[in-house]
Amino acid sequence: MGGSQCLVALQTSTGIRAYTAPIGVSESMPQLQEANLSFGVSNLSANLESGVMIIFAKLQLTSELLSTNQLWQVGPMNGDSPSAHVTSGDNMRSVATINFRTGETATGAGSINSRMRKRNIHGVLNAVSWGTLMPIGAMMARYLKVFKTANPAWFYLHIACQASAYIVGVAGWATGLKLGNDNPGIQYDTHRNIGITLFALGTLQMFALLLRPKPDHKYRLYWNIYHHCVGYTVIILSIYNIFEGLDILDPAKKWKKIYIGILIFLGAVAVILEAITWVIVIRRKQKNSDKNHHSMNGTNGVNGHGPQHGA
């Protein structure tokens, strides 16, 4: 995390190595380069016992260091150099506060639980809005309007569903911004950038409703193309970003399975409705074609067998 003062221990090809490494506040991907810390450290060593790394050191205490936070992180190796560790699971739960004056420690469970609660709220809001309500709203617009009895109800259902998804999604997006501000040393660039893109596209869609041309307007075709392209892009990016978030949160496996189950269910419903839609459209076209054919035949019959008169 940015601004941390690190005691690093690792097992290299030549044995156990221990050293100090400060992390700059602006470093998003720290390399743990060896350097002096802001306080004195001496007699630094480490020992690996039964898969557990133990670090020994003498710290030169200052007034700022008498009570401090500590965080243990475990990560993989790349040759003889440390690689990036995961920022989930036990690595996010290994926070404690230590008082060197009294020797007391506190696990900081309240802070951890609060952060986890915010992360969970962020995940639930986005999974419900961008990842579930948005696809349902699109399905309403695509499949309900083919039924004459559903007109214009399908339009208002579509608007209500998408507007609700956007409002809840903005709340989830704002929660993500808050988490990022509270933890400047932890960044998930892909997840964050997709989230910003989704917010921008979603906002554009909402404003586009105000500029929606009438059905017979000459620009309505172009508006429809834009609306569909942006809408489906939002849905695809949303689903992808939900899985990105699940990988970051690393919750119990059942939650990922539940969301996959929701997607499978929505996909199955879409396939069934797609087939029904095509059947209705084809039958409707055939019926209209038959009506036109009969109409033309009837007109020809009148012209050919009209009343006659003689001289």
C-alpha atoms as a PDB file:
ATOM      1  CA  MET A   1       0.000   0.000   0.000  1.00  0.00           C
ATOM      2  CA  GLY A   2       1.184   3.509  -0.798  1.00  0.00           C
ATOM      3  CA  GLY A   3       3.217   5.092   2.003  1.00  0.00           C
ATOM      4  CA  SER A   4       3.985   1.793   3.739  1.00  0.00           C
ATOM      5  CA  GLN A   5       7.299   1.022   5.442  1.00  0.00           C
ATOM      6  CA  CYS A   6       8.050  -2.642   4.727  1.00  0.00           C
ATOM      7  CA  LEU A   7      10.121  -5.375   6.290  1.00  0.00           C
ATOM      8  CA  VAL A   8      10.520  -7.924   3.494  1.00  0.00           C
ATOM      9  CA  ALA A   9      11.574 -11.543   3.858  1.00  0.00           C
ATOM     10  CA  LEU A  10      11.811 -14.053   1.025  1.00  0.00           C
ATOM     11  CA  GLN A  11      13.374 -17.364   0.148  1.00  0.00           C
ATOM     12  CA  THR A  12      15.829 -17.100  -2.756  1.00  0.00           C
ATOM     13  CA  SER A  13      18.000 -19.645  -4.501  1.00  0.00           C
ATOM     14  CA  THR A  14      20.827 -18.756  -2.080  1.00  0.00           C
ATOM     15  CA  GLY A  15      18.756 -18.854   1.114  1.00  0.00           C
ATOM     16  CA  ILE A  16      16.556 -16.579   3.210  1.00  0.00           C
ATOM     17  CA  ARG A  17      16.917 -12.856   2.550  1.00  0.00           C
ATOM     18  CA  ALA A  18      15.507 -10.009   4.675  1.00  0.00           C
ATOM     19  CA  TYR A  19      15.644  -6.294   3.921  1.00  0.00           C
ATOM     20  CA  THR A  20      13.707  -3.021   4.244  1.00  0.00           C
ATOM     21  CA  ALA A  21      11.692  -1.431   1.423  1.00  0.00           C
ATOM     22  CA  PRO A  22       9.671   1.793   1.591  1.00  0.00           C
ATOM     23  CA  ILE A  23       6.697   2.226  -0.776  1.00  0.00           C
ATOM     24  CA  GLY A  24       6.006   5.639  -2.239  1.00  0.00           C
ATOM     25  CA  VAL A  25       2.557   7.141  -1.766  1.00  0.00           C
ATOM     26  CA  SER A  26       1.991   7.313  -5.542  1.00  0.00           C
ATOM     27  CA  GLU A  27       3.214   3.777  -6.296  1.00  0.00           C
ATOM     28  CA  SER A  28       0.349   1.675  -7.651  1.00  0.00           C
ATOM     29  CA  MET A  29       2.546  -1.375  -8.383  1.00  0.00           C
ATOM     30  CA  PRO A  30       5.363  -1.367  -5.790  1.00  0.00           C
ATOM     31  CA  GLN A  31       8.525  -3.273  -6.692  1.00  0.00           C
ATOM     32  CA  LEU A  32       9.777  -3.608  -3.086  1.00  0.00           C
ATOM     33  CA  GLN A  33      13.215  -2.231  -3.921  1.00  0.00           C
ATOM     34  CA  GLU A  34      15.671  -2.353  -1.008  1.00  0.00           C
ATOM     35  CA  ALA A  35      16.142   1.018   0.706  1.00  0.00           C
ATOM     36  CA  ASN A  36      16.173   2.588   4.162  1.00  0.00           C
ATOM     37  CA  LEU A  37      12.935   3.276   5.987  1.00  0.00           C
ATOM     38  CA  SER A  38      11.857   6.504   7.653  1.00  0.00           C
ATOM     39  CA  PHE A  39      12.971   5.023  11.013  1.00  0.00           C
ATOM     40  CA  GLY A  40      15.999   3.011  12.018  1.00  0.00           C
ATOM     41  CA  VAL A  41      16.009  -0.778  11.643  1.00  0.00           C
ATOM     42  CA  SER A  42      18.832  -3.035  12.825  1.00  0.00           C
ATOM     43  CA  ASN A  43      19.534  -6.751  13.386  1.00  0.00           C
ATOM     44  CA  LEU A  44      17.108  -7.633  10.590  1.00  0.00           C
ATOM     45  CA  SER A  45      16.825 -11.347   9.817  1.00  0.00           C
ATOM     46  CA  ALA A  46      14.216 -13.968   8.969  1.00  0.00           C
ATOM     47  CA  ASN A  47      13.535 -17.642   9.484  1.00  0.00           C
ATOM     48  CA  LEU A  48      11.240 -20.044   7.610  1.00  0.00           C
ATOM     49  CA  GLU A  49       9.647 -22.660   9.864  1.00  0.00           C
ATOM     50  CA  SER A  50       6.961 -25.099   8.678  1.00  0.00           C
ATOM     51  CA  GLY A  51       5.992 -22.810   5.815  1.00  0.00           C
ATOM     52  CA  VAL A  52       5.731 -19.742   8.082  1.00  0.00           C
ATOM     53  CA  MET A  53       8.124 -16.810   7.564  1.00  0.00           C
ATOM     54  CA  ILE A  54       9.201 -15.125  10.822  1.00  0.00           C
ATOM     55  CA  ILE A  55      10.942 -11.718  10.691  1.00  0.00           C
ATOM     56  CA  PHE A  56      13.208 -10.469  13.502  1.00  0.00           C
ATOM     57  CA  ALA A  57      14.280  -6.827  13.794  1.00  0.00           C
ATOM     58  CA  LYS A  58      15.060  -4.016  16.198  1.00  0.00           C
ATOM     59  CA  LEU A  59      13.195  -0.806  15.478  1.00  0.00           C
ATOM     60  CA  GLN A  60      14.296   2.668  16.514  1.00  0.00           C
ATOM     61  CA  LEU A  61      11.094   3.975  18.032  1.00  0.00           C
ATOM     62  CA  THR A  62       9.880   7.522  17.531  1.00  0.00           C
ATOM     63  CA  SER A  63       6.814   9.278  18.897  1.00  0.00           C
ATOM     64  CA  GLU A  64       4.974   8.550  15.634  1.00  0.00           C
ATOM     65  CA  LEU A  65       5.904   4.879  15.800  1.00  0.00           C
ATOM     66  CA  LEU A  66       4.845   4.131  19.378  1.00  0.00           C
ATOM     67  CA  SER A  67       1.398   3.094  18.115  1.00  0.00           C
ATOM     68  CA  THR A  68       1.181   2.025  14.501  1.00  0.00           C
ATOM     69  CA  ASN A  69      -0.718  -0.154  12.083  1.00  0.00           C
ATOM     70  CA  GLN A  70       0.795  -3.354  10.751  1.00  0.00           C
ATOM     71  CA  LEU A  71      -0.202  -5.453   7.783  1.00  0.00           C
ATOM     72  CA  TRP A  72       1.139  -8.871   6.799  1.00  0.00           C
ATOM     73  CA  GLN A  73       1.100  -9.824   3.129  1.00  0.00           C
ATOM     74  CA  VAL A  74       2.107 -13.097   1.458  1.00  0.00           C
ATOM     75  CA  GLY A  75       2.805 -13.397  -2.256  1.00  0.00           C
ATOM     76  CA  PRO A  76       4.550 -15.515  -4.918  1.00  0.00           C
ATOM     77  CA  MET A  77       8.118 -15.271  -6.181  1.00  0.00           C
ATOM     78  CA  ASN A  78       9.409 -14.555  -9.676  1.00  0.00           C
ATOM     79  CA  GLY A  79      12.835 -16.131  -9.586  1.00  0.00           C
ATOM     80  CA  ASP A  80      14.611 -14.440  -6.691  1.00  0.00           C
ATOM     81  CA  SER A  81      12.325 -11.381  -6.741  1.00  0.00           C
ATOM     82  CA  PRO A  82       8.908 -10.913  -5.104  1.00  0.00           C
ATOM     83  CA  SER A  83       5.847 -10.723  -7.351  1.00  0.00           C
ATOM     84  CA  ALA A  84       2.566  -8.891  -6.756  1.00  0.00           C
ATOM     85  CA  HIS A  85       0.497 -10.450  -3.993  1.00  0.00           C
ATOM     86  CA  VAL A  86      -3.274 -10.839  -4.102  1.00  0.00           C
ATOM     87  CA  THR A  87      -5.330  -8.126  -2.435  1.00  0.00           C
ATOM     88  CA  SER A  88      -8.108 -10.355  -1.172  1.00  0.00           C
ATOM     89  CA  GLY A  89      -8.716 -13.163   1.294  1.00  0.00           C
ATOM     90  CA  ASP A  90      -6.288 -13.449   4.207  1.00  0.00           C
ATOM     91  CA  ASN A  91      -4.116 -10.626   2.871  1.00  0.00           C
ATOM     92  CA  MET A  92      -6.996  -8.222   3.510  1.00  0.00           C
ATOM     93  CA  ARG A  93      -7.719  -9.642   6.947  1.00  0.00           C
ATOM     94  CA  SER A  94      -4.192  -9.443   8.365  1.00  0.00           C
ATOM     95  CA  VAL A  95      -4.510  -5.922   9.750  1.00  0.00           C
ATOM     96  CA  ALA A  96      -3.650  -5.038  13.331  1.00  0.00           C
ATOM     97  CA  THR A  97      -2.590  -2.107  15.490  1.00  0.00           C
ATOM     98  CA  ILE A  98       0.374  -2.474  17.818  1.00  0.00           C
ATOM     99  CA  ASN A  99       1.367  -0.232  20.730  1.00  0.00           C
ATOM    100  CA  PHE A 100       5.094  -0.574  21.404  1.00  0.00           C
ATOM    101  CA  ARG A 101       4.802   1.291  24.687  1.00  0.00           C
ATOM    102  CA  THR A 102       2.323  -1.136  26.257  1.00  0.00           C
ATOM    103  CA  GLY A 103       2.829  -4.194  24.042  1.00  0.00           C
ATOM    104  CA  GLU A 104      -0.904  -4.372  23.334  1.00  0.00           C
ATOM    105  CA  THR A 105      -2.249  -5.308  19.921  1.00  0.00           C
ATOM    106  CA  ALA A 106      -5.667  -4.939  18.327  1.00  0.00           C
ATOM    107  CA  THR A 107      -6.787  -6.820  15.259  1.00  0.00           C
ATOM    108  CA  GLY A 108      -8.692  -3.919  13.752  1.00  0.00           C
ATOM    109  CA  ALA A 109     -11.618  -6.214  13.001  1.00  0.00           C
ATOM    110  CA  GLY A 110     -14.062  -3.311  13.071  1.00  0.00           C
ATOM    111  CA  SER A 111     -12.228  -1.458  10.324  1.00  0.00           C
ATOM    112  CA  ILE A 112     -11.841  -4.640   8.277  1.00  0.00           C
ATOM    113  CA  ASN A 113     -15.506  -5.532   8.658  1.00  0.00           C
ATOM    114  CA  SER A 114     -16.519  -2.011   7.667  1.00  0.00           C
ATOM    115  CA  ARG A 115     -14.370  -2.141   4.536  1.00  0.00           C
ATOM    116  CA  MET A 116     -15.618  -5.606   3.632  1.00  0.00           C
ATOM    117  CA  ARG A 117     -19.201  -4.472   4.169  1.00  0.00           C
ATOM    118  CA  LYS A 118     -18.658  -1.566   1.771  1.00  0.00           C
ATOM    119  CA  ARG A 119     -17.060  -3.874  -0.781  1.00  0.00           C
ATOM    120  CA  ASN A 120     -19.977  -6.288  -0.511  1.00  0.00           C
ATOM    121  CA  ILE A 121     -22.531  -3.482  -0.874  1.00  0.00           C
ATOM    122  CA  HIS A 122     -20.629  -2.235  -3.934  1.00  0.00           C
ATOM    123  CA  GLY A 123     -20.681  -5.713  -5.445  1.00  0.00           C
ATOM    124  CA  VAL A 124     -24.377  -6.383  -4.749  1.00  0.00           C
ATOM    125  CA  LEU A 125     -25.522  -3.003  -6.101  1.00  0.00           C
ATOM    126  CA  ASN A 126     -23.615  -3.448  -9.348  1.00  0.00           C
ATOM    127  CA  ALA A 127     -24.587  -7.103  -9.812  1.00  0.00           C
ATOM    128  CA  VAL A 128     -28.272  -6.241  -9.367  1.00  0.00           C
ATOM    129  CA  SER A 129     -28.221  -3.094 -11.529  1.00  0.00           C
ATOM    130  CA  TRP A 130     -25.708  -3.341 -14.362  1.00  0.00           C
ATOM    131  CA  GLY A 131     -25.497  -7.126 -14.311  1.00  0.00           C
ATOM    132  CA  THR A 132     -29.173  -8.117 -13.969  1.00  0.00           C
ATOM    133  CA  LEU A 133     -31.710  -5.292 -14.387  1.00  0.00           C
ATOM    134  CA  MET A 134     -30.021  -3.911 -17.522  1.00  0.00           C
ATOM    135  CA  PRO A 135     -30.295  -7.215 -19.449  1.00  0.00           C
ATOM    136  CA  ILE A 136     -33.896  -7.685 -18.260  1.00  0.00           C
ATOM    137  CA  GLY A 137     -34.809  -4.187 -19.464  1.00  0.00           C
ATOM    138  CA  ALA A 138     -33.285  -4.889 -22.879  1.00  0.00           C
ATOM    139  CA  MET A 139     -35.227  -8.150 -23.120  1.00  0.00           C
ATOM    140  CA  MET A 140     -38.474  -6.309 -22.389  1.00  0.00           C
ATOM    141  CA  ALA A 141     -37.856  -3.906 -25.240  1.00  0.00           C
ATOM    142  CA  ARG A 142     -36.886  -6.624 -27.701  1.00  0.00           C
ATOM    143  CA  TYR A 143     -39.495  -9.276 -26.984  1.00  0.00           C
ATOM    144  CA  LEU A 144     -42.593  -7.669 -25.458  1.00  0.00           C
ATOM    145  CA  LYS A 145     -43.227  -5.146 -28.211  1.00  0.00           C
ATOM    146  CA  VAL A 146     -43.960  -7.934 -30.691  1.00  0.00           C
ATOM    147  CA  PHE A 147     -47.196  -8.601 -28.789  1.00  0.00           C
ATOM    148  CA  LYS A 148     -49.828  -6.072 -29.819  1.00  0.00           C
ATOM    149  CA  THR A 149     -51.523  -6.270 -26.418  1.00  0.00           C
ATOM    150  CA  ALA A 150     -48.268  -5.185 -24.749  1.00  0.00           C
ATOM    151  CA  ASN A 151     -48.128  -1.877 -26.609  1.00  0.00           C
ATOM    152  CA  PRO A 152     -47.296   0.681 -25.193  1.00  0.00           C
ATOM    153  CA  ALA A 153     -46.815  -1.064 -21.815  1.00  0.00           C
ATOM    154  CA  TRP A 154     -43.531  -2.638 -22.974  1.00  0.00           C
ATOM    155  CA  PHE A 155     -42.029   0.828 -23.504  1.00  0.00           C
ATOM    156  CA  TYR A 156     -42.847   2.044 -20.003  1.00  0.00           C
ATOM    157  CA  LEU A 157     -41.640  -1.239 -18.470  1.00  0.00           C
ATOM    158  CA  HIS A 158     -38.400  -0.892 -20.433  1.00  0.00           C
ATOM    159  CA  ILE A 159     -37.879   2.691 -19.259  1.00  0.00           C
ATOM    160  CA  ALA A 160     -38.734   1.836 -15.635  1.00  0.00           C
ATOM    161  CA  CYS A 161     -36.344  -1.133 -15.581  1.00  0.00           C
ATOM    162  CA  GLN A 162     -33.443   0.717 -17.218  1.00  0.00           C
ATOM    163  CA  ALA A 163     -33.929   3.841 -15.114  1.00  0.00           C
ATOM    164  CA  SER A 164     -33.969   1.737 -11.930  1.00  0.00           C
ATOM    165  CA  ALA A 165     -30.848  -0.096 -13.081  1.00  0.00           C
ATOM    166  CA  TYR A 166     -29.098   3.208 -13.765  1.00  0.00           C
ATOM    167  CA  ILE A 167     -30.013   4.736 -10.390  1.00  0.00           C
ATOM    168  CA  VAL A 168     -28.903   1.647  -8.437  1.00  0.00           C
ATOM    169  CA  GLY A 169     -25.828   1.366 -10.673  1.00  0.00           C
ATOM    170  CA  VAL A 170     -24.801   4.954  -9.955  1.00  0.00           C
ATOM    171  CA  ALA A 171     -25.063   4.180  -6.233  1.00  0.00           C
ATOM    172  CA  GLY A 172     -22.798   1.154  -6.752  1.00  0.00           C
ATOM    173  CA  TRP A 173     -20.391   3.238  -8.832  1.00  0.00           C
ATOM    174  CA  ALA A 174     -20.236   5.926  -6.127  1.00  0.00           C
ATOM    175  CA  THR A 175     -19.539   3.235  -3.512  1.00  0.00           C
ATOM    176  CA  GLY A 176     -16.639   2.046  -5.654  1.00  0.00           C
ATOM    177  CA  LEU A 177     -15.232   5.592  -5.835  1.00  0.00           C
ATOM    178  CA  LYS A 178     -15.460   5.829  -2.049  1.00  0.00           C
ATOM    179  CA  LEU A 179     -13.601   2.539  -1.646  1.00  0.00           C
ATOM    180  CA  GLY A 180     -10.893   3.774  -4.000  1.00  0.00           C
ATOM    181  CA  ASN A 181     -10.488   7.031  -2.081  1.00  0.00           C
ATOM    182  CA  ASP A 182     -10.319   5.192   1.236  1.00  0.00           C
ATOM    183  CA  ASN A 183      -7.666   2.795  -0.069  1.00  0.00           C
ATOM    184  CA  PRO A 184      -5.383   4.810  -2.403  1.00  0.00           C
ATOM    185  CA  GLY A 185      -2.703   2.119  -2.350  1.00  0.00           C
ATOM    186  CA  ILE A 186      -5.040  -0.527  -3.774  1.00  0.00           C
ATOM    187  CA  GLN A 187      -6.043  -0.080  -7.400  1.00  0.00           C
ATOM    188  CA  TYR A 188      -7.820  -2.356  -9.852  1.00  0.00           C
ATOM    189  CA  ASP A 189      -7.274  -0.496 -13.100  1.00  0.00           C
ATOM    190  CA  THR A 190      -9.320  -2.745 -15.403  1.00  0.00           C
ATOM    191  CA  HIS A 191     -12.311  -2.889 -13.053  1.00  0.00           C
ATOM    192  CA  ARG A 192     -12.152   0.854 -12.382  1.00  0.00           C
ATOM    193  CA  ASN A 193     -11.805   1.873 -16.043  1.00  0.00           C
ATOM    194  CA  ILE A 194     -14.702  -0.335 -17.142  1.00  0.00           C
ATOM    195  CA  GLY A 195     -16.804   1.084 -14.299  1.00  0.00           C
ATOM    196  CA  ILE A 196     -16.098   4.645 -15.451  1.00  0.00           C
ATOM    197  CA  THR A 197     -16.937   3.672 -19.045  1.00  0.00           C
ATOM    198  CA  LEU A 198     -20.223   2.089 -17.943  1.00  0.00           C
ATOM    199  CA  PHE A 199     -21.198   5.184 -15.992  1.00  0.00           C
ATOM    200  CA  ALA A 200     -20.452   7.406 -18.999  1.00  0.00           C
ATOM    201  CA  LEU A 201     -22.352   5.201 -21.474  1.00  0.00           C
ATOM    202  CA  GLY A 202     -25.268   4.721 -19.078  1.00  0.00           C
ATOM    203  CA  THR A 203     -25.543   8.475 -18.549  1.00  0.00           C
ATOM    204  CA  LEU A 204     -25.409   9.007 -22.311  1.00  0.00           C
ATOM    205  CA  GLN A 205     -28.265   6.543 -22.754  1.00  0.00           C
ATOM    206  CA  MET A 206     -30.418   8.314 -20.200  1.00  0.00           C
ATOM    207  CA  PHE A 207     -29.892  11.700 -21.862  1.00  0.00           C
ATOM    208  CA  ALA A 208     -30.526  10.137 -25.284  1.00  0.00           C
ATOM    209  CA  LEU A 209     -34.110   9.421 -24.193  1.00  0.00           C
ATOM    210  CA  LEU A 210     -34.715  13.176 -24.139  1.00  0.00           C
ATOM    211  CA  LEU A 211     -33.568  13.401 -27.782  1.00  0.00           C
ATOM    212  CA  ARG A 212     -35.548  10.382 -29.008  1.00  0.00           C
ATOM    213  CA  PRO A 213     -37.078  11.257 -32.403  1.00  0.00           C
ATOM    214  CA  LYS A 214     -40.646  10.319 -33.272  1.00  0.00           C
ATOM    215  CA  PRO A 215     -41.121   6.964 -35.088  1.00  0.00           C
ATOM    216  CA  ASP A 216     -41.670   8.655 -38.468  1.00  0.00           C
ATOM    217  CA  HIS A 217     -38.737  11.085 -38.144  1.00  0.00           C
ATOM    218  CA  LYS A 218     -36.019  10.760 -40.775  1.00  0.00           C
ATOM    219  CA  TYR A 219     -33.312  10.416 -38.092  1.00  0.00           C
ATOM    220  CA  ARG A 220     -35.130   7.757 -36.064  1.00  0.00           C
ATOM    221  CA  LEU A 221     -33.278   4.914 -37.832  1.00  0.00           C
ATOM    222  CA  TYR A 222     -29.888   6.350 -36.838  1.00  0.00           C
ATOM    223  CA  TRP A 223     -31.066   6.913 -33.275  1.00  0.00           C
ATOM    224  CA  ASN A 224     -32.215   3.276 -33.081  1.00  0.00           C
ATOM    225  CA  ILE A 225     -28.826   2.043 -34.317  1.00  0.00           C
ATOM    226  CA  TYR A 226     -27.014   4.193 -31.751  1.00  0.00           C
ATOM    227  CA  HIS A 227     -29.378   3.192 -28.927  1.00  0.00           C
ATOM    228  CA  HIS A 228     -29.055  -0.537 -29.616  1.00  0.00           C
ATOM    229  CA  CYS A 229     -25.265  -0.474 -30.074  1.00  0.00           C
ATOM    230  CA  VAL A 230     -24.630   1.477 -26.878  1.00  0.00           C
ATOM    231  CA  GLY A 231     -27.190  -0.581 -24.939  1.00  0.00           C
ATOM    232  CA  TYR A 232     -25.712  -3.945 -25.879  1.00  0.00           C
ATOM    233  CA  THR A 233     -22.189  -2.609 -25.249  1.00  0.00           C
ATOM    234  CA  VAL A 234     -23.241  -1.613 -21.723  1.00  0.00           C
ATOM    235  CA  ILE A 235     -24.703  -5.072 -21.077  1.00  0.00           C
ATOM    236  CA  ILE A 236     -21.584  -6.905 -22.302  1.00  0.00           C
ATOM    237  CA  LEU A 237     -19.194  -4.665 -20.358  1.00  0.00           C
ATOM    238  CA  SER A 238     -21.402  -4.910 -17.267  1.00  0.00           C
ATOM    239  CA  ILE A 239     -21.358  -8.699 -17.196  1.00  0.00           C
ATOM    240  CA  TYR A 240     -17.601  -8.767 -17.789  1.00  0.00           C
ATOM    241  CA  ASN A 241     -17.020  -6.247 -14.994  1.00  0.00           C
ATOM    242  CA  ILE A 242     -19.210  -8.207 -12.583  1.00  0.00           C
ATOM    243  CA  PHE A 243     -16.869 -11.176 -12.973  1.00  0.00           C
ATOM    244  CA  GLU A 244     -13.879  -8.853 -12.556  1.00  0.00           C
ATOM    245  CA  GLY A 245     -15.410  -7.672  -9.291  1.00  0.00           C
ATOM    246  CA  LEU A 246     -16.106 -11.212  -8.129  1.00  0.00           C
ATOM    247  CA  ASP A 247     -12.454 -12.105  -8.693  1.00  0.00           C
ATOM    248  CA  ILE A 248     -11.417  -9.069  -6.642  1.00  0.00           C
ATOM    249  CA  LEU A 249     -13.857  -9.669  -3.785  1.00  0.00           C
ATOM    250  CA  ASP A 250     -13.086 -13.401  -3.789  1.00  0.00           C
ATOM    251  CA  PRO A 251     -16.344 -14.312  -1.995  1.00  0.00           C
ATOM    252  CA  ALA A 252     -17.612 -17.820  -1.366  1.00  0.00           C
ATOM    253  CA  LYS A 253     -17.799 -19.766  -4.634  1.00  0.00           C
ATOM    254  CA  LYS A 254     -21.582 -20.048  -4.343  1.00  0.00           C
ATOM    255  CA  TRP A 255     -22.036 -16.341  -5.169  1.00  0.00           C
ATOM    256  CA  LYS A 256     -20.267 -16.676  -8.500  1.00  0.00           C
ATOM    257  CA  LYS A 257     -22.308 -19.792  -9.225  1.00  0.00           C
ATOM    258  CA  ILE A 258     -25.516 -17.937  -8.343  1.00  0.00           C
ATOM    259  CA  TYR A 259     -24.721 -15.128 -10.767  1.00  0.00           C
ATOM    260  CA  ILE A 260     -23.759 -17.606 -13.489  1.00  0.00           C
ATOM    261  CA  GLY A 261     -27.096 -19.331 -12.844  1.00  0.00           C
ATOM    262  CA  ILE A 262     -28.936 -16.004 -13.267  1.00  0.00           C
ATOM    263  CA  LEU A 263     -27.164 -15.405 -16.586  1.00  0.00           C
ATOM    264  CA  ILE A 264     -27.965 -18.930 -17.791  1.00  0.00           C
ATOM    265  CA  PHE A 265     -31.622 -18.434 -16.838  1.00  0.00           C
ATOM    266  CA  LEU A 266     -31.823 -15.075 -18.634  1.00  0.00           C
ATOM    267  CA  GLY A 267     -30.061 -16.562 -21.654  1.00  0.00           C
ATOM    268  CA  ALA A 268     -32.488 -19.493 -21.806  1.00  0.00           C
ATOM    269  CA  VAL A 269     -35.484 -17.149 -21.540  1.00  0.00           C
ATOM    270  CA  ALA A 270     -34.004 -14.964 -24.297  1.00  0.00           C
ATOM    271  CA  VAL A 271     -33.564 -17.972 -26.607  1.00  0.00           C
ATOM    272  CA  ILE A 272     -37.171 -19.090 -26.052  1.00  0.00           C
ATOM    273  CA  LEU A 273     -38.560 -15.580 -26.546  1.00  0.00           C
ATOM    274  CA  GLU A 274     -36.390 -15.105 -29.635  1.00  0.00           C
ATOM    275  CA  ALA A 275     -37.945 -18.212 -31.201  1.00  0.00           C
ATOM    276  CA  ILE A 276     -41.467 -17.129 -30.245  1.00  0.00           C
ATOM    277  CA  THR A 277     -40.811 -13.655 -31.628  1.00  0.00           C
ATOM    278  CA  TRP A 278     -39.676 -14.984 -34.992  1.00  0.00           C
ATOM    279  CA  VAL A 279     -42.704 -17.299 -35.232  1.00  0.00           C
ATOM    280  CA  ILE A 280     -45.082 -14.426 -34.509  1.00  0.00           C
ATOM    281  CA  VAL A 281     -43.362 -12.084 -36.959  1.00  0.00           C
ATOM    282  CA  ILE A 282     -43.295 -14.681 -39.757  1.00  0.00           C
ATOM    283  CA  ARG A 283     -46.971 -15.616 -39.244  1.00  0.00           C
ATOM    284  CA  ARG A 284     -47.934 -11.960 -39.159  1.00  0.00           C
ATOM    285  CA  LYS A 285     -46.128 -11.312 -42.430  1.00  0.00           C
ATOM    286  CA  GLN A 286     -47.784 -14.330 -44.023  1.00  0.00           C
ATOM    287  CA  LYS A 287     -51.204 -13.176 -42.852  1.00  0.00           C
ATOM    288  CA  ASN A 288     -50.632  -9.678 -44.225  1.00  0.00           C
ATOM    289  CA  SER A 289     -49.399 -11.167 -47.481  1.00  0.00           C
ATOM    290  CA  ASP A 290     -52.523 -13.337 -47.746  1.00  0.00           C
ATOM    291  CA  LYS A 291     -54.758 -10.328 -47.067  1.00  0.00           C
ATOM    292  CA  ASN A 292     -53.046  -8.316 -49.774  1.00  0.00           C
ATOM    293  CA  HIS A 293     -53.349 -11.234 -52.177  1.00  0.00           C
ATOM    294  CA  HIS A 294     -57.076 -11.679 -51.522  1.00  0.00           C
ATOM    295  CA  SER A 295     -57.620  -7.962 -51.790  1.00  0.00           C
ATOM    296  CA  MET A 296     -55.978  -7.856 -55.201  1.00  0.00           C
ATOM    297  CA  ASN A 297     -58.001 -10.869 -56.410  1.00  0.00           C
ATOM    298  CA  GLY A 298     -61.219  -9.300 -55.227  1.00  0.00           C
ATOM    299  CA  THR A 299     -60.537  -6.092 -57.108  1.00  0.00           C
ATOM    300  CA  ASN A 300     -59.762  -7.976 -60.315  1.00  0.00           C
ATOM    301  CA  GLY A 301     -63.004  -9.920 -59.977  1.00  0.00           C
ATOM    302  CA  VAL A 302     -65.087  -6.749 -59.775  1.00  0.00           C
ATOM    303  CA  ASN A 303     -63.392  -5.319 -62.815  1.00  0.00           C
ATOM    304  CA  GLY A 304     -63.860  -8.519 -64.841  1.00  0.00           C
ATOM    305  CA  HIS A 305     -67.478  -9.315 -63.899  1.00  0.00           C
ATOM    306  CA  GLY A 306     -69.094  -5.942 -63.469  1.00  0.00           C
ATOM    307  CA  PRO A 307     -72.665  -5.214 -64.593  1.00  0.00           C
ATOM    308  CA  GLN A 308     -73.225  -5.042 -68.393  1.00  0.00           C
ATOM    309  CA  HIS A 309     -75.724  -3.206 -70.540  1.00  0.00           C
ATOM    310  CA  GLY A 310     -76.816  -3.665 -74.121  1.00  0.00           C
ATOM    311  CA  ALA A 311     -77.868  -1.345 -76.878  1.00  0.00           C
END
